[in-house]
Amino acid sequence: MSSPTSGPNPYQPPQPEGFRAPEPAEKSERPKWLLFAAVGTIVLGVLGVLAGLLAPVNYFMAKHNPFAGMSGPEMQRMQEKIAAASMPELIVLLGIANLVVSGVALWAAIQVVRARPRSRTPFRRWLLVLGVYEIAAVAIGLFAQYRAWTAMNRHMDELIRTFPSGSAQAERFTETVMGAGLVMGMAFALGWGALKLCFIFWARYYADQPQSVQYLRD
């Protein structure tokens, strides 16, 4: 029995000489730095959501502190004045804004990790929103801590005058410790905020690079 000869396919139109069928397009490799930018944004988003959830809780705990009366009425009044000077209601509003902005940025970064088409644009936009929020949050937070520091110095001087000499020395030590804590808090807030801002704007810059645009194919 003779084997069938291979000939032109009668069901396929003839192709011109030298024609080569196009090979199927291969998906471009994921840029490693784009993945790093998206995962870093996810981490910042989770931290922002947690901080936003804790802001109202901290405000409620400060308003209903069960240990407030253990430090004496004068110290308690001073603590209330310092807390009022730190603008707690505004800090709660910042926390709620952080919850919303960080939550949406978290969602946009997850879409980039999953390589969703057209995910680059919302990722870039919400990185910008997150960066603007961080600038405002750092500025307001530093101002609130500065107000708390000045209020502490003012009311601590008034409080120390009402104590005998031995107690005054102890209160001076307390003032020094509280002042050092506020300064360290301001330094940490400034450093952490600057670090986050550098990452956010770097991630947005990398999302604009050709390899990121080609991979996500907006």
N, C-alpha and C. Protein backbone atom coordinates (compact mmCIF):
# COMPACT_ATOMS: atom_id res chain seq x y z
N MET A 1 0.85 -1.19 0.00
CA MET A 1 0.00 0.00 0.00
C MET A 1 0.88 1.23 0.00
N SER A 2 0.67 2.11 -0.89
CA SER A 2 1.53 3.30 -1.00
C SER A 2 1.15 4.32 0.04
N SER A 3 2.15 5.00 0.57
CA SER A 3 1.90 6.04 1.58
C SER A 3 1.41 7.29 0.90
N PRO A 4 0.50 8.03 1.54
CA PRO A 4 -0.02 9.26 0.92
C PRO A 4 1.06 10.30 0.81
N THR A 5 1.10 10.97 -0.27
CA THR A 5 2.09 12.03 -0.49
C THR A 5 1.60 13.32 0.12
N SER A 6 2.53 14.07 0.70
CA SER A 6 2.17 15.36 1.30
C SER A 6 2.07 16.40 0.20
N GLY A 7 0.98 17.01 0.06
CA GLY A 7 0.76 18.03 -0.96
C GLY A 7 0.09 19.24 -0.36
N PRO A 8 -0.24 20.22 -1.17
CA PRO A 8 -0.91 21.41 -0.64
C PRO A 8 -2.27 21.07 -0.07
N ASN A 9 -2.60 21.75 0.99
CA ASN A 9 -3.90 21.56 1.63
C ASN A 9 -4.98 22.17 0.76
N PRO A 10 -5.92 21.36 0.27
CA PRO A 10 -6.96 21.92 -0.61
C PRO A 10 -7.91 22.87 0.11
N TYR A 11 -7.91 22.82 1.45
CA TYR A 11 -8.82 23.68 2.21
C TYR A 11 -8.16 25.00 2.63
N GLN A 12 -6.91 25.20 2.31
CA GLN A 12 -6.18 26.41 2.69
C GLN A 12 -5.74 27.14 1.43
N PRO A 13 -6.01 28.44 1.35
CA PRO A 13 -5.60 29.16 0.14
C PRO A 13 -4.09 29.15 -0.01
N PRO A 14 -3.62 29.12 -1.26
CA PRO A 14 -2.16 29.10 -1.48
C PRO A 14 -1.50 30.36 -0.94
N GLN A 15 -0.31 30.22 -0.35
CA GLN A 15 0.45 31.33 0.22
C GLN A 15 1.57 31.71 -0.73
N PRO A 16 1.92 32.99 -0.79
CA PRO A 16 3.02 33.38 -1.68
C PRO A 16 4.33 32.75 -1.23
N GLU A 17 5.23 32.62 -2.19
CA GLU A 17 6.51 32.00 -1.92
C GLU A 17 7.30 32.82 -0.89
N GLY A 18 7.91 32.15 0.05
CA GLY A 18 8.67 32.83 1.10
C GLY A 18 7.83 33.29 2.28
N PHE A 19 6.53 32.99 2.25
CA PHE A 19 5.64 33.41 3.34
C PHE A 19 5.87 32.55 4.57
N ARG A 20 5.95 33.16 5.73
CA ARG A 20 6.06 32.45 7.00
C ARG A 20 4.93 32.90 7.92
N ALA A 21 4.22 31.93 8.42
CA ALA A 21 3.12 32.26 9.34
C ALA A 21 3.68 32.91 10.60
N PRO A 22 3.03 33.98 11.08
CA PRO A 22 3.54 34.65 12.30
C PRO A 22 3.44 33.73 13.51
N GLU A 23 4.50 33.76 14.31
CA GLU A 23 4.50 32.97 15.53
C GLU A 23 3.65 33.64 16.60
N PRO A 24 3.03 32.86 17.45
CA PRO A 24 2.20 33.47 18.51
C PRO A 24 3.04 34.34 19.43
N ALA A 25 2.48 35.50 19.77
CA ALA A 25 3.22 36.46 20.60
C ALA A 25 3.40 35.90 22.01
N GLU A 26 4.60 36.03 22.51
CA GLU A 26 4.89 35.58 23.86
C GLU A 26 4.70 36.72 24.84
N LYS A 27 4.19 36.40 26.02
CA LYS A 27 3.99 37.42 27.05
C LYS A 27 5.35 37.89 27.56
N SER A 28 5.50 39.21 27.64
CA SER A 28 6.77 39.75 28.10
C SER A 28 7.02 39.37 29.55
N GLU A 29 8.28 39.28 29.88
CA GLU A 29 8.66 38.89 31.24
C GLU A 29 8.34 40.01 32.21
N ARG A 30 7.87 39.62 33.41
CA ARG A 30 7.51 40.63 34.41
C ARG A 30 8.76 41.36 34.89
N PRO A 31 8.76 42.71 34.83
CA PRO A 31 9.92 43.45 35.36
C PRO A 31 10.02 43.26 36.87
N LYS A 32 11.20 42.88 37.32
CA LYS A 32 11.37 42.58 38.76
C LYS A 32 11.14 43.81 39.61
N TRP A 33 11.59 44.98 39.14
CA TRP A 33 11.42 46.19 39.95
C TRP A 33 9.96 46.64 39.98
N LEU A 34 9.20 46.32 38.96
CA LEU A 34 7.77 46.61 39.00
C LEU A 34 7.09 45.76 40.07
N LEU A 35 7.49 44.48 40.13
CA LEU A 35 6.95 43.61 41.18
C LEU A 35 7.35 44.14 42.56
N PHE A 36 8.59 44.59 42.70
CA PHE A 36 9.03 45.14 43.99
C PHE A 36 8.22 46.38 44.35
N ALA A 37 7.95 47.24 43.36
CA ALA A 37 7.17 48.46 43.62
C ALA A 37 5.74 48.10 44.05
N ALA A 38 5.15 47.09 43.39
CA ALA A 38 3.78 46.72 43.73
C ALA A 38 3.71 46.06 45.11
N VAL A 39 4.66 45.16 45.41
CA VAL A 39 4.64 44.50 46.72
C VAL A 39 4.92 45.50 47.83
N GLY A 40 5.86 46.44 47.60
CA GLY A 40 6.10 47.48 48.60
C GLY A 40 4.87 48.33 48.84
N THR A 41 4.13 48.64 47.77
CA THR A 41 2.89 49.41 47.93
C THR A 41 1.84 48.61 48.70
N ILE A 42 1.81 47.29 48.48
CA ILE A 42 0.88 46.46 49.25
C ILE A 42 1.22 46.53 50.74
N VAL A 43 2.51 46.47 51.08
CA VAL A 43 2.92 46.56 52.48
C VAL A 43 2.50 47.90 53.07
N LEU A 44 2.76 48.99 52.34
CA LEU A 44 2.36 50.31 52.83
C LEU A 44 0.85 50.41 52.94
N GLY A 45 0.13 49.79 52.00
CA GLY A 45 -1.32 49.83 52.07
C GLY A 45 -1.86 49.11 53.29
N VAL A 46 -1.30 47.94 53.59
CA VAL A 46 -1.74 47.19 54.78
C VAL A 46 -1.45 47.98 56.04
N LEU A 47 -0.25 48.56 56.13
CA LEU A 47 0.09 49.36 57.32
C LEU A 47 -0.83 50.58 57.43
N GLY A 48 -1.14 51.21 56.30
CA GLY A 48 -2.03 52.37 56.33
C GLY A 48 -3.44 52.00 56.76
N VAL A 49 -3.94 50.86 56.28
CA VAL A 49 -5.28 50.41 56.68
C VAL A 49 -5.32 50.12 58.18
N LEU A 50 -4.29 49.44 58.68
CA LEU A 50 -4.25 49.16 60.12
C LEU A 50 -4.18 50.43 60.95
N ALA A 51 -3.33 51.40 60.49
CA ALA A 51 -3.24 52.67 61.21
C ALA A 51 -4.56 53.42 61.17
N GLY A 52 -5.25 53.36 60.04
CA GLY A 52 -6.54 54.03 59.95
C GLY A 52 -7.59 53.40 60.86
N LEU A 53 -7.55 52.08 61.00
CA LEU A 53 -8.48 51.41 61.90
C LEU A 53 -8.17 51.71 63.36
N LEU A 54 -6.88 51.88 63.68
CA LEU A 54 -6.50 52.11 65.08
C LEU A 54 -6.72 53.56 65.52
N ALA A 55 -6.80 54.50 64.58
CA ALA A 55 -6.93 55.91 64.96
C ALA A 55 -8.17 56.18 65.81
N PRO A 56 -9.37 55.75 65.42
CA PRO A 56 -10.53 55.97 66.30
C PRO A 56 -10.41 55.22 67.62
N VAL A 57 -9.78 54.03 67.60
CA VAL A 57 -9.62 53.26 68.84
C VAL A 57 -8.72 54.01 69.82
N ASN A 58 -7.61 54.54 69.32
CA ASN A 58 -6.71 55.31 70.19
C ASN A 58 -7.39 56.55 70.75
N TYR A 59 -8.19 57.19 69.91
CA TYR A 59 -8.92 58.39 70.38
C TYR A 59 -9.89 58.02 71.49
N PHE A 60 -10.61 56.92 71.32
CA PHE A 60 -11.57 56.49 72.34
C PHE A 60 -10.85 56.10 73.64
N MET A 61 -9.71 55.40 73.51
CA MET A 61 -8.96 55.00 74.70
C MET A 61 -8.40 56.22 75.44
N ALA A 62 -7.98 57.24 74.70
CA ALA A 62 -7.47 58.44 75.36
C ALA A 62 -8.58 59.19 76.09
N LYS A 63 -9.79 59.15 75.52
CA LYS A 63 -10.91 59.83 76.16
C LYS A 63 -11.42 59.08 77.39
N HIS A 64 -11.24 57.77 77.40
CA HIS A 64 -11.76 56.95 78.50
C HIS A 64 -10.63 56.11 79.09
N ASN A 65 -9.58 56.80 79.50
CA ASN A 65 -8.42 56.13 80.07
C ASN A 65 -8.72 55.70 81.50
N PRO A 66 -8.73 54.40 81.82
CA PRO A 66 -9.07 53.98 83.19
C PRO A 66 -7.98 54.31 84.20
N PHE A 67 -6.76 54.63 83.74
CA PHE A 67 -5.66 54.93 84.66
C PHE A 67 -5.41 56.44 84.79
N ALA A 68 -6.35 57.23 84.24
CA ALA A 68 -6.10 58.68 84.23
C ALA A 68 -6.05 59.26 85.64
N GLY A 69 -6.88 58.75 86.56
CA GLY A 69 -6.93 59.34 87.89
C GLY A 69 -5.81 58.93 88.82
N MET A 70 -4.94 58.02 88.39
CA MET A 70 -3.89 57.52 89.28
C MET A 70 -2.72 58.49 89.41
N SER A 71 -2.62 59.48 88.52
CA SER A 71 -1.49 60.40 88.56
C SER A 71 -1.78 61.68 89.31
N GLY A 72 -2.93 61.81 89.94
CA GLY A 72 -3.26 63.02 90.67
C GLY A 72 -4.05 64.00 89.82
N PRO A 73 -4.89 64.83 90.45
CA PRO A 73 -5.75 65.73 89.66
C PRO A 73 -4.97 66.76 88.86
N GLU A 74 -3.86 67.31 89.44
CA GLU A 74 -3.10 68.32 88.70
C GLU A 74 -2.46 67.72 87.44
N MET A 75 -1.83 66.54 87.61
CA MET A 75 -1.21 65.89 86.46
C MET A 75 -2.25 65.48 85.43
N GLN A 76 -3.40 65.06 85.90
CA GLN A 76 -4.45 64.65 84.97
C GLN A 76 -4.94 65.84 84.15
N ARG A 77 -5.11 66.99 84.79
CA ARG A 77 -5.53 68.19 84.05
C ARG A 77 -4.48 68.59 83.03
N MET A 78 -3.19 68.47 83.41
CA MET A 78 -2.13 68.82 82.48
C MET A 78 -2.14 67.87 81.28
N GLN A 79 -2.33 66.58 81.53
CA GLN A 79 -2.38 65.61 80.44
C GLN A 79 -3.55 65.88 79.50
N GLU A 80 -4.69 66.28 80.07
CA GLU A 80 -5.84 66.60 79.22
C GLU A 80 -5.57 67.81 78.35
N LYS A 81 -4.88 68.83 78.90
CA LYS A 81 -4.56 70.01 78.11
C LYS A 81 -3.55 69.69 77.01
N ILE A 82 -2.58 68.83 77.32
CA ILE A 82 -1.61 68.43 76.29
C ILE A 82 -2.31 67.63 75.20
N ALA A 83 -3.21 66.74 75.59
CA ALA A 83 -3.93 65.94 74.60
C ALA A 83 -4.80 66.82 73.71
N ALA A 84 -5.44 67.84 74.31
CA ALA A 84 -6.27 68.75 73.52
C ALA A 84 -5.43 69.57 72.54
N ALA A 85 -4.21 69.94 72.96
CA ALA A 85 -3.34 70.72 72.09
C ALA A 85 -2.86 69.92 70.88
N SER A 86 -2.85 68.59 70.98
CA SER A 86 -2.36 67.76 69.88
C SER A 86 -3.43 67.49 68.81
N MET A 87 -4.55 68.17 68.89
CA MET A 87 -5.62 68.11 67.88
C MET A 87 -6.06 66.67 67.60
N PRO A 88 -6.59 65.97 68.61
CA PRO A 88 -6.93 64.55 68.41
C PRO A 88 -8.02 64.32 67.38
N GLU A 89 -9.00 65.23 67.29
CA GLU A 89 -10.07 65.03 66.30
C GLU A 89 -9.53 65.07 64.88
N LEU A 90 -8.58 65.99 64.62
CA LEU A 90 -7.98 66.07 63.29
C LEU A 90 -7.16 64.82 63.00
N ILE A 91 -6.48 64.29 64.00
CA ILE A 91 -5.70 63.06 63.81
C ILE A 91 -6.62 61.89 63.47
N VAL A 92 -7.81 61.85 64.07
CA VAL A 92 -8.77 60.79 63.73
C VAL A 92 -9.22 60.93 62.28
N LEU A 93 -9.49 62.16 61.84
CA LEU A 93 -9.88 62.36 60.44
C LEU A 93 -8.76 61.95 59.49
N LEU A 94 -7.53 62.24 59.86
CA LEU A 94 -6.39 61.79 59.05
C LEU A 94 -6.34 60.26 59.00
N GLY A 95 -6.65 59.62 60.12
CA GLY A 95 -6.65 58.16 60.14
C GLY A 95 -7.71 57.58 59.23
N ILE A 96 -8.90 58.19 59.20
CA ILE A 96 -9.95 57.71 58.31
C ILE A 96 -9.55 57.91 56.85
N ALA A 97 -8.95 59.08 56.55
CA ALA A 97 -8.47 59.31 55.19
C ALA A 97 -7.38 58.30 54.82
N ASN A 98 -6.52 57.98 55.78
CA ASN A 98 -5.48 56.98 55.55
C ASN A 98 -6.09 55.62 55.23
N LEU A 99 -7.16 55.27 55.93
CA LEU A 99 -7.84 54.01 55.68
C LEU A 99 -8.34 53.92 54.24
N VAL A 100 -8.94 55.00 53.76
CA VAL A 100 -9.51 55.00 52.40
C VAL A 100 -8.41 54.99 51.35
N VAL A 101 -7.46 55.93 51.47
CA VAL A 101 -6.42 56.06 50.45
C VAL A 101 -5.54 54.82 50.41
N SER A 102 -5.13 54.34 51.57
CA SER A 102 -4.27 53.15 51.60
C SER A 102 -5.02 51.92 51.10
N GLY A 103 -6.31 51.84 51.40
CA GLY A 103 -7.08 50.70 50.93
C GLY A 103 -7.18 50.64 49.42
N VAL A 104 -7.43 51.79 48.78
CA VAL A 104 -7.52 51.81 47.32
C VAL A 104 -6.15 51.58 46.69
N ALA A 105 -5.09 52.18 47.26
CA ALA A 105 -3.73 51.93 46.75
C ALA A 105 -3.37 50.46 46.89
N LEU A 106 -3.79 49.81 47.97
CA LEU A 106 -3.57 48.38 48.15
C LEU A 106 -4.24 47.59 47.04
N TRP A 107 -5.49 47.94 46.73
CA TRP A 107 -6.21 47.26 45.65
C TRP A 107 -5.51 47.45 44.31
N ALA A 108 -5.07 48.69 44.02
CA ALA A 108 -4.40 48.95 42.74
C ALA A 108 -3.09 48.17 42.63
N ALA A 109 -2.34 48.05 43.72
CA ALA A 109 -1.08 47.31 43.69
C ALA A 109 -1.34 45.81 43.48
N ILE A 110 -2.40 45.29 44.06
CA ILE A 110 -2.73 43.87 43.85
C ILE A 110 -3.05 43.61 42.39
N GLN A 111 -3.72 44.55 41.71
CA GLN A 111 -4.01 44.39 40.29
C GLN A 111 -2.72 44.35 39.47
N VAL A 112 -1.72 45.12 39.87
CA VAL A 112 -0.44 45.10 39.16
C VAL A 112 0.26 43.76 39.37
N VAL A 113 0.24 43.24 40.59
CA VAL A 113 0.86 41.94 40.86
C VAL A 113 0.18 40.85 40.03
N ARG A 114 -1.12 40.95 39.86
CA ARG A 114 -1.86 39.97 39.06
C ARG A 114 -1.75 40.23 37.56
N ALA A 115 -1.01 41.28 37.18
CA ALA A 115 -0.77 41.62 35.77
C ALA A 115 -2.08 41.86 35.03
N ARG A 116 -3.00 42.55 35.67
CA ARG A 116 -4.25 42.89 35.02
C ARG A 116 -4.01 43.94 33.95
N PRO A 117 -4.62 43.79 32.76
CA PRO A 117 -4.49 44.85 31.75
C PRO A 117 -5.06 46.17 32.26
N ARG A 118 -4.42 47.24 31.86
CA ARG A 118 -4.83 48.61 32.23
C ARG A 118 -4.79 48.84 33.74
N SER A 119 -3.96 48.07 34.46
CA SER A 119 -3.83 48.29 35.90
C SER A 119 -2.76 49.33 36.23
N ARG A 120 -1.95 49.70 35.25
CA ARG A 120 -0.87 50.65 35.52
C ARG A 120 -1.42 52.05 35.82
N THR A 121 -2.47 52.46 35.10
CA THR A 121 -3.00 53.82 35.28
C THR A 121 -3.55 54.04 36.68
N PRO A 122 -4.46 53.17 37.20
CA PRO A 122 -4.91 53.40 38.59
C PRO A 122 -3.78 53.26 39.60
N PHE A 123 -2.80 52.40 39.31
CA PHE A 123 -1.66 52.26 40.22
C PHE A 123 -0.90 53.58 40.32
N ARG A 124 -0.62 54.19 39.18
CA ARG A 124 0.09 55.48 39.16
C ARG A 124 -0.71 56.56 39.87
N ARG A 125 -2.00 56.62 39.57
CA ARG A 125 -2.84 57.68 40.15
C ARG A 125 -2.92 57.57 41.66
N TRP A 126 -3.12 56.36 42.16
CA TRP A 126 -3.28 56.21 43.60
C TRP A 126 -1.96 56.30 44.34
N LEU A 127 -0.85 56.02 43.66
CA LEU A 127 0.45 56.32 44.26
C LEU A 127 0.61 57.82 44.45
N LEU A 128 0.16 58.60 43.47
CA LEU A 128 0.24 60.05 43.60
C LEU A 128 -0.64 60.54 44.74
N VAL A 129 -1.86 60.01 44.82
CA VAL A 129 -2.76 60.39 45.92
C VAL A 129 -2.16 60.01 47.26
N LEU A 130 -1.58 58.81 47.33
CA LEU A 130 -0.95 58.36 48.57
C LEU A 130 0.22 59.26 48.95
N GLY A 131 1.01 59.69 47.96
CA GLY A 131 2.12 60.58 48.24
C GLY A 131 1.67 61.93 48.76
N VAL A 132 0.61 62.49 48.14
CA VAL A 132 0.08 63.78 48.61
C VAL A 132 -0.45 63.63 50.03
N TYR A 133 -1.15 62.52 50.29
CA TYR A 133 -1.65 62.29 51.65
C TYR A 133 -0.51 62.21 52.65
N GLU A 134 0.57 61.51 52.32
CA GLU A 134 1.69 61.36 53.25
C GLU A 134 2.32 62.71 53.57
N ILE A 135 2.44 63.57 52.56
CA ILE A 135 3.00 64.90 52.81
C ILE A 135 2.12 65.66 53.80
N ALA A 136 0.80 65.64 53.56
CA ALA A 136 -0.13 66.34 54.46
C ALA A 136 -0.11 65.71 55.86
N ALA A 137 -0.07 64.37 55.92
CA ALA A 137 -0.11 63.70 57.22
C ALA A 137 1.15 63.99 58.04
N VAL A 138 2.31 63.99 57.39
CA VAL A 138 3.55 64.27 58.11
C VAL A 138 3.55 65.71 58.62
N ALA A 139 3.13 66.64 57.77
CA ALA A 139 3.11 68.06 58.17
C ALA A 139 2.15 68.28 59.34
N ILE A 140 0.95 67.73 59.25
CA ILE A 140 -0.03 67.91 60.32
C ILE A 140 0.41 67.19 61.59
N GLY A 141 0.97 65.99 61.44
CA GLY A 141 1.43 65.25 62.61
C GLY A 141 2.56 65.96 63.35
N LEU A 142 3.50 66.52 62.59
CA LEU A 142 4.60 67.26 63.23
C LEU A 142 4.08 68.51 63.93
N PHE A 143 3.13 69.18 63.29
CA PHE A 143 2.56 70.38 63.91
C PHE A 143 1.80 70.02 65.19
N ALA A 144 1.07 68.90 65.16
CA ALA A 144 0.33 68.48 66.36
C ALA A 144 1.29 68.12 67.50
N GLN A 145 2.40 67.46 67.18
CA GLN A 145 3.36 67.12 68.23
C GLN A 145 4.08 68.36 68.75
N TYR A 146 4.32 69.33 67.88
CA TYR A 146 4.93 70.57 68.34
C TYR A 146 3.98 71.31 69.30
N ARG A 147 2.69 71.33 68.97
CA ARG A 147 1.72 71.96 69.87
C ARG A 147 1.67 71.23 71.21
N ALA A 148 1.75 69.89 71.18
CA ALA A 148 1.75 69.13 72.43
C ALA A 148 3.00 69.43 73.25
N TRP A 149 4.13 69.59 72.57
CA TRP A 149 5.39 69.88 73.26
C TRP A 149 5.33 71.25 73.95
N THR A 150 4.87 72.26 73.22
CA THR A 150 4.79 73.60 73.82
C THR A 150 3.76 73.62 74.96
N ALA A 151 2.65 72.90 74.79
CA ALA A 151 1.66 72.86 75.87
C ALA A 151 2.23 72.15 77.08
N MET A 152 3.01 71.10 76.87
CA MET A 152 3.60 70.38 77.99
C MET A 152 4.56 71.29 78.76
N ASN A 153 5.41 72.04 78.04
CA ASN A 153 6.35 72.94 78.71
C ASN A 153 5.61 74.02 79.50
N ARG A 154 4.57 74.55 78.91
CA ARG A 154 3.84 75.63 79.58
C ARG A 154 3.14 75.13 80.84
N HIS A 155 2.42 74.03 80.74
CA HIS A 155 1.65 73.55 81.87
C HIS A 155 2.52 72.84 82.90
N MET A 156 3.63 72.27 82.47
CA MET A 156 4.53 71.63 83.42
C MET A 156 5.17 72.68 84.33
N ASP A 157 5.54 73.83 83.78
CA ASP A 157 6.08 74.90 84.63
C ASP A 157 5.07 75.36 85.67
N GLU A 158 3.80 75.47 85.27
CA GLU A 158 2.76 75.86 86.22
C GLU A 158 2.58 74.78 87.29
N LEU A 159 2.68 73.52 86.88
CA LEU A 159 2.47 72.43 87.82
C LEU A 159 3.62 72.33 88.82
N ILE A 160 4.84 72.54 88.36
CA ILE A 160 6.01 72.40 89.23
C ILE A 160 6.00 73.44 90.34
N ARG A 161 5.48 74.62 90.07
CA ARG A 161 5.45 75.67 91.10
C ARG A 161 4.57 75.30 92.28
N THR A 162 3.65 74.39 92.10
CA THR A 162 2.72 74.03 93.19
C THR A 162 3.27 72.93 94.10
N PHE A 163 4.44 72.36 93.75
CA PHE A 163 5.00 71.25 94.53
C PHE A 163 6.15 71.73 95.39
N PRO A 164 6.44 71.02 96.50
CA PRO A 164 7.65 71.31 97.28
C PRO A 164 8.89 70.95 96.47
N SER A 165 10.05 71.31 97.02
CA SER A 165 11.30 71.20 96.25
C SER A 165 11.58 69.76 95.82
N GLY A 166 11.37 68.79 96.71
CA GLY A 166 11.65 67.40 96.34
C GLY A 166 10.78 66.92 95.22
N SER A 167 9.48 67.23 95.30
CA SER A 167 8.58 66.82 94.24
C SER A 167 8.88 67.55 92.94
N ALA A 168 9.32 68.79 93.06
CA ALA A 168 9.63 69.56 91.85
C ALA A 168 10.75 68.90 91.06
N GLN A 169 11.75 68.35 91.77
CA GLN A 169 12.83 67.69 91.05
C GLN A 169 12.31 66.45 90.29
N ALA A 170 11.42 65.73 90.93
CA ALA A 170 10.84 64.58 90.24
C ALA A 170 10.02 65.01 89.03
N GLU A 171 9.30 66.11 89.15
CA GLU A 171 8.50 66.59 88.03
C GLU A 171 9.40 67.09 86.90
N ARG A 172 10.54 67.70 87.26
CA ARG A 172 11.49 68.12 86.23
C ARG A 172 12.01 66.91 85.44
N PHE A 173 12.26 65.82 86.17
CA PHE A 173 12.71 64.60 85.49
C PHE A 173 11.61 64.08 84.57
N THR A 174 10.36 64.13 85.04
CA THR A 174 9.23 63.70 84.21
C THR A 174 9.11 64.57 82.97
N GLU A 175 9.31 65.87 83.14
CA GLU A 175 9.25 66.79 82.00
C GLU A 175 10.33 66.45 80.98
N THR A 176 11.53 66.14 81.46
CA THR A 176 12.63 65.80 80.54
C THR A 176 12.31 64.53 79.77
N VAL A 177 11.79 63.53 80.47
CA VAL A 177 11.46 62.26 79.81
C VAL A 177 10.36 62.46 78.78
N MET A 178 9.32 63.21 79.14
CA MET A 178 8.22 63.44 78.21
C MET A 178 8.69 64.25 77.01
N GLY A 179 9.53 65.24 77.26
CA GLY A 179 10.05 66.04 76.16
C GLY A 179 10.91 65.21 75.21
N ALA A 180 11.75 64.34 75.78
CA ALA A 180 12.57 63.47 74.93
C ALA A 180 11.69 62.53 74.11
N GLY A 181 10.61 62.04 74.72
CA GLY A 181 9.70 61.17 73.98
C GLY A 181 9.04 61.88 72.81
N LEU A 182 8.63 63.13 73.03
CA LEU A 182 8.01 63.90 71.95
C LEU A 182 9.00 64.17 70.83
N VAL A 183 10.24 64.53 71.20
CA VAL A 183 11.25 64.79 70.17
C VAL A 183 11.54 63.53 69.37
N MET A 184 11.66 62.41 70.05
CA MET A 184 11.90 61.15 69.34
C MET A 184 10.72 60.79 68.45
N GLY A 185 9.51 61.07 68.92
CA GLY A 185 8.34 60.81 68.09
C GLY A 185 8.32 61.67 66.84
N MET A 186 8.69 62.96 66.97
CA MET A 186 8.75 63.84 65.81
C MET A 186 9.82 63.39 64.84
N ALA A 187 10.99 62.98 65.37
CA ALA A 187 12.07 62.52 64.49
C ALA A 187 11.67 61.25 63.75
N PHE A 188 11.00 60.34 64.45
CA PHE A 188 10.57 59.10 63.80
C PHE A 188 9.53 59.39 62.73
N ALA A 189 8.56 60.25 63.05
CA ALA A 189 7.52 60.57 62.07
C ALA A 189 8.11 61.21 60.82
N LEU A 190 9.09 62.11 61.01
CA LEU A 190 9.72 62.76 59.86
C LEU A 190 10.52 61.76 59.04
N GLY A 191 11.33 60.91 59.70
CA GLY A 191 12.14 59.95 58.98
C GLY A 191 11.31 58.90 58.27
N TRP A 192 10.30 58.34 58.95
CA TRP A 192 9.45 57.33 58.34
C TRP A 192 8.64 57.92 57.20
N GLY A 193 8.16 59.14 57.38
CA GLY A 193 7.41 59.79 56.30
C GLY A 193 8.28 60.05 55.09
N ALA A 194 9.51 60.49 55.30
CA ALA A 194 10.42 60.73 54.18
C ALA A 194 10.75 59.44 53.46
N LEU A 195 10.94 58.35 54.20
CA LEU A 195 11.23 57.06 53.58
C LEU A 195 10.06 56.59 52.73
N LYS A 196 8.85 56.72 53.24
CA LYS A 196 7.68 56.32 52.47
C LYS A 196 7.52 57.16 51.22
N LEU A 197 7.75 58.46 51.35
CA LEU A 197 7.61 59.34 50.18
C LEU A 197 8.62 58.98 49.10
N CYS A 198 9.86 58.70 49.49
CA CYS A 198 10.87 58.32 48.50
C CYS A 198 10.45 57.05 47.77
N PHE A 199 9.93 56.08 48.51
CA PHE A 199 9.50 54.85 47.85
C PHE A 199 8.30 55.09 46.94
N ILE A 200 7.32 55.86 47.41
CA ILE A 200 6.10 56.08 46.63
C ILE A 200 6.42 56.75 45.29
N PHE A 201 7.23 57.79 45.30
CA PHE A 201 7.51 58.49 44.06
C PHE A 201 8.48 57.71 43.18
N TRP A 202 9.34 56.88 43.79
CA TRP A 202 10.17 55.99 42.97
C TRP A 202 9.29 54.95 42.28
N ALA A 203 8.34 54.37 43.01
CA ALA A 203 7.44 53.37 42.43
C ALA A 203 6.62 53.97 41.29
N ARG A 204 6.17 55.19 41.47
CA ARG A 204 5.41 55.84 40.39
C ARG A 204 6.30 56.11 39.18
N TYR A 205 7.53 56.51 39.44
CA TYR A 205 8.48 56.73 38.34
C TYR A 205 8.73 55.43 37.58
N TYR A 206 8.92 54.31 38.28
CA TYR A 206 9.20 53.06 37.61
C TYR A 206 7.98 52.56 36.85
N ALA A 207 6.77 52.85 37.35
CA ALA A 207 5.56 52.44 36.63
C ALA A 207 5.44 53.14 35.28
N ASP A 208 6.15 54.25 35.08
CA ASP A 208 6.14 54.96 33.80
C ASP A 208 7.21 54.49 32.83
N GLN A 209 8.07 53.58 33.24
CA GLN A 209 9.15 53.14 32.38
C GLN A 209 8.62 52.22 31.27
N PRO A 210 9.32 52.19 30.10
CA PRO A 210 8.81 51.41 28.95
C PRO A 210 8.55 49.95 29.27
N GLN A 211 9.42 49.30 30.06
CA GLN A 211 9.21 47.89 30.35
C GLN A 211 7.92 47.66 31.15
N SER A 212 7.57 48.62 32.03
CA SER A 212 6.33 48.49 32.78
C SER A 212 5.13 48.73 31.88
N VAL A 213 5.23 49.71 30.99
CA VAL A 213 4.14 49.99 30.06
C VAL A 213 3.90 48.80 29.14
N GLN A 214 4.97 48.20 28.62
CA GLN A 214 4.84 47.07 27.71
C GLN A 214 4.27 45.85 28.44
N TYR A 215 4.67 45.64 29.67
CA TYR A 215 4.20 44.46 30.39
C TYR A 215 2.72 44.54 30.71
N LEU A 216 2.26 45.70 31.16
CA LEU A 216 0.86 45.84 31.55
C LEU A 216 -0.04 46.23 30.38
N ARG A 217 0.54 46.73 29.27
CA ARG A 217 -0.18 47.01 28.05
C ARG A 217 -1.45 47.83 28.30
N ASP A 218 -1.23 49.05 28.73
CA ASP A 218 -2.38 49.93 28.96
C ASP A 218 -3.14 50.18 27.65
